[in-house]
Amino acid sequence: LSNIGDGTKVVRSHTSSIASLTDILKEMNRALNEGDDAFYTVPEDEYVLSQLMELSSIEMAKDFEDVMDDEFKIVAISVDMDTFESEAAVENIRGIEQKLSELFPDADSCILGDMVEYAEMTSRMVRGELKSFLFSFVIVAIMLIIAFASVNTGLIAMIPNVAPVLLIAGVMGLLDLPLDFTTMTIMPLILGIAV
């Protein structure tokens, strides 16, 4: 976890990698200064920085085209992650969007990628599945009350229907398994089998 300045925590995977223009500029600056690690920084002088950007776009063309366009107007930062939690990802995206608007108020910025779409989709689906599960739970309880013609007997009959769901939810909590689309799909199936 790392803090991006305003209390928003960003979850990073152990094998995540980030590709940005600053990495290329730092590498070129160090290379031009005889490999001295003290120069592994982005130059603060605008003239030196512009010359370094021009040189980087020529010398490291393949890496450079992944992070900036030829006219130096569009910058991209790429973050590769092998795992993420959808709720944490949605919070991170909102925090990053807020930070971008604070740091670059006149720039048009957007966050793109499969992870962004998947995080939003998973978050909505989990909430929808949770609502449908609770609705199913209420309907099954009403059906059992009607079938047994008794509120007490109907609620007692719900115990074998609820026990497997509570057991699975408890095991998931103990093993720290995330409640995502695939794990949430199991809950209605368990309830259906129990009924």
C-alpha atoms as a PDB file:
ATOM      1  CA  LEU A   1       0.000   0.000   0.000  1.00  0.00           C
ATOM      2  CA  SER A   2       1.170   3.508  -0.662  1.00  0.00           C
ATOM      3  CA  ASN A   3      -0.314   6.888   0.120  1.00  0.00           C
ATOM      4  CA  ILE A   4      -0.805   9.297  -2.813  1.00  0.00           C
ATOM      5  CA  GLY A   5      -0.911  12.401  -0.667  1.00  0.00           C
ATOM      6  CA  ASP A   6      -4.520  12.900   0.325  1.00  0.00           C
ATOM      7  CA  GLY A   7      -4.993   9.822   2.480  1.00  0.00           C
ATOM      8  CA  THR A   8      -6.064   7.637  -0.454  1.00  0.00           C
ATOM      9  CA  LYS A   9      -4.240   4.348  -0.324  1.00  0.00           C
ATOM     10  CA  VAL A  10      -3.252   2.653  -3.548  1.00  0.00           C
ATOM     11  CA  VAL A  11      -3.050  -1.127  -3.516  1.00  0.00           C
ATOM     12  CA  ARG A  12      -0.060  -2.370  -5.458  1.00  0.00           C
ATOM     13  CA  SER A  13       0.678  -5.947  -6.345  1.00  0.00           C
ATOM     14  CA  HIS A  14       4.116  -7.389  -5.630  1.00  0.00           C
ATOM     15  CA  THR A  15       4.589  -8.004  -9.350  1.00  0.00           C
ATOM     16  CA  SER A  16       2.986  -4.811 -10.656  1.00  0.00           C
ATOM     17  CA  SER A  17       4.999  -2.659 -13.015  1.00  0.00           C
ATOM     18  CA  ILE A  18       4.596   0.997 -13.880  1.00  0.00           C
ATOM     19  CA  ALA A  19       5.742   2.517 -17.158  1.00  0.00           C
ATOM     20  CA  SER A  20       5.917   6.299 -17.355  1.00  0.00           C
ATOM     21  CA  LEU A  21       7.851   9.078 -19.023  1.00  0.00           C
ATOM     22  CA  THR A  22       9.759   9.885 -15.836  1.00  0.00           C
ATOM     23  CA  ASP A  23      11.484   6.489 -15.891  1.00  0.00           C
ATOM     24  CA  ILE A  24      12.802   7.126 -19.406  1.00  0.00           C
ATOM     25  CA  LEU A  25      13.918  10.673 -18.585  1.00  0.00           C
ATOM     26  CA  LYS A  26      15.702   9.537 -15.423  1.00  0.00           C
ATOM     27  CA  GLU A  27      17.462   6.738 -17.312  1.00  0.00           C
ATOM     28  CA  MET A  28      18.586   9.081 -20.102  1.00  0.00           C
ATOM     29  CA  ASN A  29      19.751  11.733 -17.622  1.00  0.00           C
ATOM     30  CA  ARG A  30      21.850   9.130 -15.791  1.00  0.00           C
ATOM     31  CA  ALA A  31      23.266   7.789 -19.088  1.00  0.00           C
ATOM     32  CA  LEU A  32      24.298  11.294 -20.203  1.00  0.00           C
ATOM     33  CA  ASN A  33      26.065  11.824 -16.878  1.00  0.00           C
ATOM     34  CA  GLU A  34      28.360   8.786 -17.128  1.00  0.00           C
ATOM     35  CA  GLY A  35      25.973   6.438 -15.304  1.00  0.00           C
ATOM     36  CA  ASP A  36      26.159   8.356 -12.038  1.00  0.00           C
ATOM     37  CA  ASP A  37      23.174   7.280  -9.878  1.00  0.00           C
ATOM     38  CA  ALA A  38      22.967  10.778  -8.418  1.00  0.00           C
ATOM     39  CA  PHE A  39      21.595  11.901 -11.807  1.00  0.00           C
ATOM     40  CA  TYR A  40      18.757   9.361 -11.809  1.00  0.00           C
ATOM     41  CA  THR A  41      16.277  12.239 -11.558  1.00  0.00           C
ATOM     42  CA  VAL A  42      14.172  14.360 -13.865  1.00  0.00           C
ATOM     43  CA  PRO A  43      16.069  17.621 -14.545  1.00  0.00           C
ATOM     44  CA  GLU A  44      14.427  20.718 -13.094  1.00  0.00           C
ATOM     45  CA  ASP A  45      15.821  23.078 -15.744  1.00  0.00           C
ATOM     46  CA  GLU A  46      13.176  23.379 -18.506  1.00  0.00           C
ATOM     47  CA  TYR A  47      15.740  23.755 -21.306  1.00  0.00           C
ATOM     48  CA  VAL A  48      17.635  20.638 -20.206  1.00  0.00           C
ATOM     49  CA  LEU A  49      14.360  18.781 -19.789  1.00  0.00           C
ATOM     50  CA  SER A  50      13.138  19.691 -23.287  1.00  0.00           C
ATOM     51  CA  GLN A  51      16.470  18.635 -24.824  1.00  0.00           C
ATOM     52  CA  LEU A  52      16.359  15.389 -22.850  1.00  0.00           C
ATOM     53  CA  MET A  53      12.803  14.694 -24.037  1.00  0.00           C
ATOM     54  CA  GLU A  54      13.823  15.265 -27.663  1.00  0.00           C
ATOM     55  CA  LEU A  55      16.849  13.010 -27.275  1.00  0.00           C
ATOM     56  CA  SER A  56      14.812  10.347 -25.470  1.00  0.00           C
ATOM     57  CA  SER A  57      12.206  10.317 -28.243  1.00  0.00           C
ATOM     58  CA  ILE A  58      14.993   9.552 -30.745  1.00  0.00           C
ATOM     59  CA  GLU A  59      17.260   7.230 -28.755  1.00  0.00           C
ATOM     60  CA  MET A  60      14.539   5.281 -26.933  1.00  0.00           C
ATOM     61  CA  ALA A  61      11.839   5.578 -29.610  1.00  0.00           C
ATOM     62  CA  LYS A  62      10.158   2.242 -28.871  1.00  0.00           C
ATOM     63  CA  ASP A  63       9.852   2.860 -25.122  1.00  0.00           C
ATOM     64  CA  PHE A  64       9.053   6.532 -25.639  1.00  0.00           C
ATOM     65  CA  GLU A  65       6.097   5.975 -27.986  1.00  0.00           C
ATOM     66  CA  ASP A  66       4.363   3.944 -25.272  1.00  0.00           C
ATOM     67  CA  VAL A  67       4.307   6.904 -22.872  1.00  0.00           C
ATOM     68  CA  MET A  68       4.122  10.061 -25.037  1.00  0.00           C
ATOM     69  CA  ASP A  69       3.053  11.154 -28.510  1.00  0.00           C
ATOM     70  CA  ASP A  70       5.368  12.699 -31.126  1.00  0.00           C
ATOM     71  CA  GLU A  71       4.175  16.262 -30.418  1.00  0.00           C
ATOM     72  CA  PHE A  72       4.772  16.015 -26.637  1.00  0.00           C
ATOM     73  CA  LYS A  73       1.107  16.769 -25.911  1.00  0.00           C
ATOM     74  CA  ILE A  74      -0.231  13.443 -24.666  1.00  0.00           C
ATOM     75  CA  VAL A  75       1.321  11.529 -21.764  1.00  0.00           C
ATOM     76  CA  ALA A  76       0.369   8.022 -20.674  1.00  0.00           C
ATOM     77  CA  ILE A  77       1.202   6.166 -17.489  1.00  0.00           C
ATOM     78  CA  SER A  78       0.738   2.415 -17.691  1.00  0.00           C
ATOM     79  CA  VAL A  79       0.277   0.284 -14.577  1.00  0.00           C
ATOM     80  CA  ASP A  80       0.259  -3.501 -14.988  1.00  0.00           C
ATOM     81  CA  MET A  81      -1.185  -5.499 -12.101  1.00  0.00           C
ATOM     82  CA  ASP A  82      -1.654  -9.231 -11.729  1.00  0.00           C
ATOM     83  CA  THR A  83      -4.330  -9.072  -9.004  1.00  0.00           C
ATOM     84  CA  PHE A  84      -6.632  -6.462  -7.547  1.00  0.00           C
ATOM     85  CA  GLU A  85      -9.777  -6.128  -5.481  1.00  0.00           C
ATOM     86  CA  SER A  86     -12.592  -4.441  -7.369  1.00  0.00           C
ATOM     87  CA  GLU A  87     -13.750  -2.204  -4.501  1.00  0.00           C
ATOM     88  CA  ALA A  88     -10.185  -1.093  -3.772  1.00  0.00           C
ATOM     89  CA  ALA A  89      -9.617  -0.519  -7.489  1.00  0.00           C
ATOM     90  CA  VAL A  90     -12.745   1.661  -7.775  1.00  0.00           C
ATOM     91  CA  GLU A  91     -11.623   3.703  -4.742  1.00  0.00           C
ATOM     92  CA  ASN A  92      -8.127   4.037  -6.218  1.00  0.00           C
ATOM     93  CA  ILE A  93      -9.528   5.193  -9.562  1.00  0.00           C
ATOM     94  CA  ARG A  94     -11.624   7.878  -7.865  1.00  0.00           C
ATOM     95  CA  GLY A  95      -8.632   9.001  -5.793  1.00  0.00           C
ATOM     96  CA  ILE A  96      -6.382   9.159  -8.860  1.00  0.00           C
ATOM     97  CA  GLU A  97      -8.981  11.142 -10.840  1.00  0.00           C
ATOM     98  CA  GLN A  98      -9.266  13.638  -7.969  1.00  0.00           C
ATOM     99  CA  LYS A  99      -5.480  13.926  -7.682  1.00  0.00           C
ATOM    100  CA  LEU A 100      -5.121  14.457 -11.448  1.00  0.00           C
ATOM    101  CA  SER A 101      -7.694  17.271 -11.389  1.00  0.00           C
ATOM    102  CA  GLU A 102      -5.813  18.906  -8.484  1.00  0.00           C
ATOM    103  CA  LEU A 103      -2.347  18.580 -10.047  1.00  0.00           C
ATOM    104  CA  PHE A 104      -3.349  19.361 -13.637  1.00  0.00           C
ATOM    105  CA  PRO A 105      -6.528  21.476 -13.531  1.00  0.00           C
ATOM    106  CA  ASP A 106      -6.245  22.635 -17.173  1.00  0.00           C
ATOM    107  CA  ALA A 107      -5.423  19.209 -18.630  1.00  0.00           C
ATOM    108  CA  ASP A 108      -7.873  16.653 -19.970  1.00  0.00           C
ATOM    109  CA  SER A 109      -7.181  13.406 -18.159  1.00  0.00           C
ATOM    110  CA  CYS A 110      -8.871  10.038 -18.167  1.00  0.00           C
ATOM    111  CA  ILE A 111      -8.225   6.563 -16.826  1.00  0.00           C
ATOM    112  CA  LEU A 112      -8.583   3.786 -19.370  1.00  0.00           C
ATOM    113  CA  GLY A 113      -8.067   0.068 -19.550  1.00  0.00           C
ATOM    114  CA  ASP A 114      -9.609  -3.306 -18.947  1.00  0.00           C
ATOM    115  CA  MET A 115      -8.993  -3.078 -15.204  1.00  0.00           C
ATOM    116  CA  VAL A 116     -11.095   0.090 -14.937  1.00  0.00           C
ATOM    117  CA  GLU A 117     -14.034  -1.452 -16.790  1.00  0.00           C
ATOM    118  CA  TYR A 118     -13.732  -4.776 -14.979  1.00  0.00           C
ATOM    119  CA  ALA A 119     -13.572  -3.099 -11.556  1.00  0.00           C
ATOM    120  CA  GLU A 120     -16.715  -1.035 -12.215  1.00  0.00           C
ATOM    121  CA  MET A 121     -18.554  -4.020 -13.693  1.00  0.00           C
ATOM    122  CA  THR A 122     -17.573  -6.345 -10.846  1.00  0.00           C
ATOM    123  CA  SER A 123     -18.547  -3.805  -8.207  1.00  0.00           C
ATOM    124  CA  ARG A 124     -22.002  -3.304  -9.736  1.00  0.00           C
ATOM    125  CA  MET A 125     -22.567  -7.025 -10.269  1.00  0.00           C
ATOM    126  CA  VAL A 126     -21.629  -7.904  -6.695  1.00  0.00           C
ATOM    127  CA  ARG A 127     -24.037  -5.293  -5.337  1.00  0.00           C
ATOM    128  CA  GLY A 128     -26.769  -6.546  -7.701  1.00  0.00           C
ATOM    129  CA  GLU A 129     -26.165 -10.185  -6.798  1.00  0.00           C
ATOM    130  CA  LEU A 130     -26.225  -9.333  -3.096  1.00  0.00           C
ATOM    131  CA  LYS A 131     -29.592  -7.588  -3.506  1.00  0.00           C
ATOM    132  CA  SER A 132     -30.999 -10.495  -5.523  1.00  0.00           C
ATOM    133  CA  PHE A 133     -29.748 -12.974  -2.919  1.00  0.00           C
ATOM    134  CA  LEU A 134     -31.438 -11.050  -0.104  1.00  0.00           C
ATOM    135  CA  PHE A 135     -34.637 -10.831  -2.185  1.00  0.00           C
ATOM    136  CA  SER A 136     -34.497 -14.602  -2.841  1.00  0.00           C
ATOM    137  CA  PHE A 137     -33.911 -15.206   0.852  1.00  0.00           C
ATOM    138  CA  VAL A 138     -37.061 -13.237   1.760  1.00  0.00           C
ATOM    139  CA  ILE A 139     -39.148 -14.986  -0.941  1.00  0.00           C
ATOM    140  CA  VAL A 140     -37.994 -18.452   0.224  1.00  0.00           C
ATOM    141  CA  ALA A 141     -38.829 -17.517   3.830  1.00  0.00           C
ATOM    142  CA  ILE A 142     -42.338 -16.385   2.790  1.00  0.00           C
ATOM    143  CA  MET A 143     -42.854 -19.577   0.753  1.00  0.00           C
ATOM    144  CA  LEU A 144     -41.821 -21.768   3.689  1.00  0.00           C
ATOM    145  CA  ILE A 145     -44.110 -19.867   6.065  1.00  0.00           C
ATOM    146  CA  ILE A 146     -46.990 -20.396   3.627  1.00  0.00           C
ATOM    147  CA  ALA A 147     -46.058 -24.075   3.033  1.00  0.00           C
ATOM    148  CA  PHE A 148     -45.977 -24.881   6.755  1.00  0.00           C
ATOM    149  CA  ALA A 149     -48.875 -22.510   7.578  1.00  0.00           C
ATOM    150  CA  SER A 150     -46.853 -21.235  10.536  1.00  0.00           C
ATOM    151  CA  VAL A 151     -44.431 -18.342  10.929  1.00  0.00           C
ATOM    152  CA  ASN A 152     -42.343 -20.141  13.572  1.00  0.00           C
ATOM    153  CA  THR A 153     -42.092 -23.391  11.604  1.00  0.00           C
ATOM    154  CA  GLY A 154     -41.309 -21.499   8.392  1.00  0.00           C
ATOM    155  CA  LEU A 155     -38.492 -19.571  10.071  1.00  0.00           C
ATOM    156  CA  ILE A 156     -37.139 -22.766  11.661  1.00  0.00           C
ATOM    157  CA  ALA A 157     -37.186 -24.355   8.181  1.00  0.00           C
ATOM    158  CA  MET A 158     -34.959 -21.489   6.984  1.00  0.00           C
ATOM    159  CA  ILE A 159     -32.099 -22.669   9.235  1.00  0.00           C
ATOM    160  CA  PRO A 160     -30.938 -25.459   6.862  1.00  0.00           C
ATOM    161  CA  ASN A 161     -31.224 -22.990   3.971  1.00  0.00           C
ATOM    162  CA  VAL A 162     -29.138 -20.310   5.657  1.00  0.00           C
ATOM    163  CA  ALA A 163     -26.541 -22.512   7.385  1.00  0.00           C
ATOM    164  CA  PRO A 164     -24.540 -23.399   4.208  1.00  0.00           C
ATOM    165  CA  VAL A 165     -24.453 -19.751   3.116  1.00  0.00           C
ATOM    166  CA  LEU A 166     -23.256 -18.613   6.547  1.00  0.00           C
ATOM    167  CA  LEU A 167     -20.671 -21.415   6.617  1.00  0.00           C
ATOM    168  CA  ILE A 168     -19.256 -20.491   3.200  1.00  0.00           C
ATOM    169  CA  ALA A 169     -19.283 -16.756   4.067  1.00  0.00           C
ATOM    170  CA  GLY A 170     -17.488 -17.505   7.362  1.00  0.00           C
ATOM    171  CA  VAL A 171     -14.819 -19.623   5.645  1.00  0.00           C
ATOM    172  CA  MET A 172     -14.311 -16.898   3.025  1.00  0.00           C
ATOM    173  CA  GLY A 173     -13.910 -14.357   5.817  1.00  0.00           C
ATOM    174  CA  LEU A 174     -11.409 -16.521   7.691  1.00  0.00           C
ATOM    175  CA  LEU A 175      -9.364 -17.211   4.548  1.00  0.00           C
ATOM    176  CA  ASP A 176      -9.584 -13.519   3.534  1.00  0.00           C
ATOM    177  CA  LEU A 177     -11.129 -14.377   0.155  1.00  0.00           C
ATOM    178  CA  PRO A 178     -12.582 -11.357  -1.660  1.00  0.00           C
ATOM    179  CA  LEU A 179     -16.315 -11.114  -2.336  1.00  0.00           C
ATOM    180  CA  ASP A 180     -16.168 -10.695  -6.112  1.00  0.00           C
ATOM    181  CA  PHE A 181     -18.321 -11.727  -9.062  1.00  0.00           C
ATOM    182  CA  THR A 182     -17.353 -15.402  -9.057  1.00  0.00           C
ATOM    183  CA  THR A 183     -17.528 -15.937  -5.293  1.00  0.00           C
ATOM    184  CA  MET A 184     -20.815 -14.013  -5.074  1.00  0.00           C
ATOM    185  CA  THR A 185     -22.340 -16.317  -7.711  1.00  0.00           C
ATOM    186  CA  ILE A 186     -21.940 -19.240  -5.287  1.00  0.00           C
ATOM    187  CA  MET A 187     -24.336 -17.779  -2.676  1.00  0.00           C
ATOM    188  CA  PRO A 188     -27.596 -18.015  -4.714  1.00  0.00           C
ATOM    189  CA  LEU A 189     -26.561 -21.462  -5.962  1.00  0.00           C
ATOM    190  CA  ILE A 190     -26.132 -22.686  -2.378  1.00  0.00           C
ATOM    191  CA  LEU A 191     -29.520 -21.259  -1.432  1.00  0.00           C
ATOM    192  CA  GLY A 192     -31.149 -22.902  -4.477  1.00  0.00           C
ATOM    193  CA  ILE A 193     -29.619 -26.308  -3.697  1.00  0.00           C
ATOM    194  CA  ALA A 194     -30.688 -26.038  -0.055  1.00  0.00           C
ATOM    195  CA  VAL A 195     -34.293 -25.215  -1.062  1.00  0.00           C
END
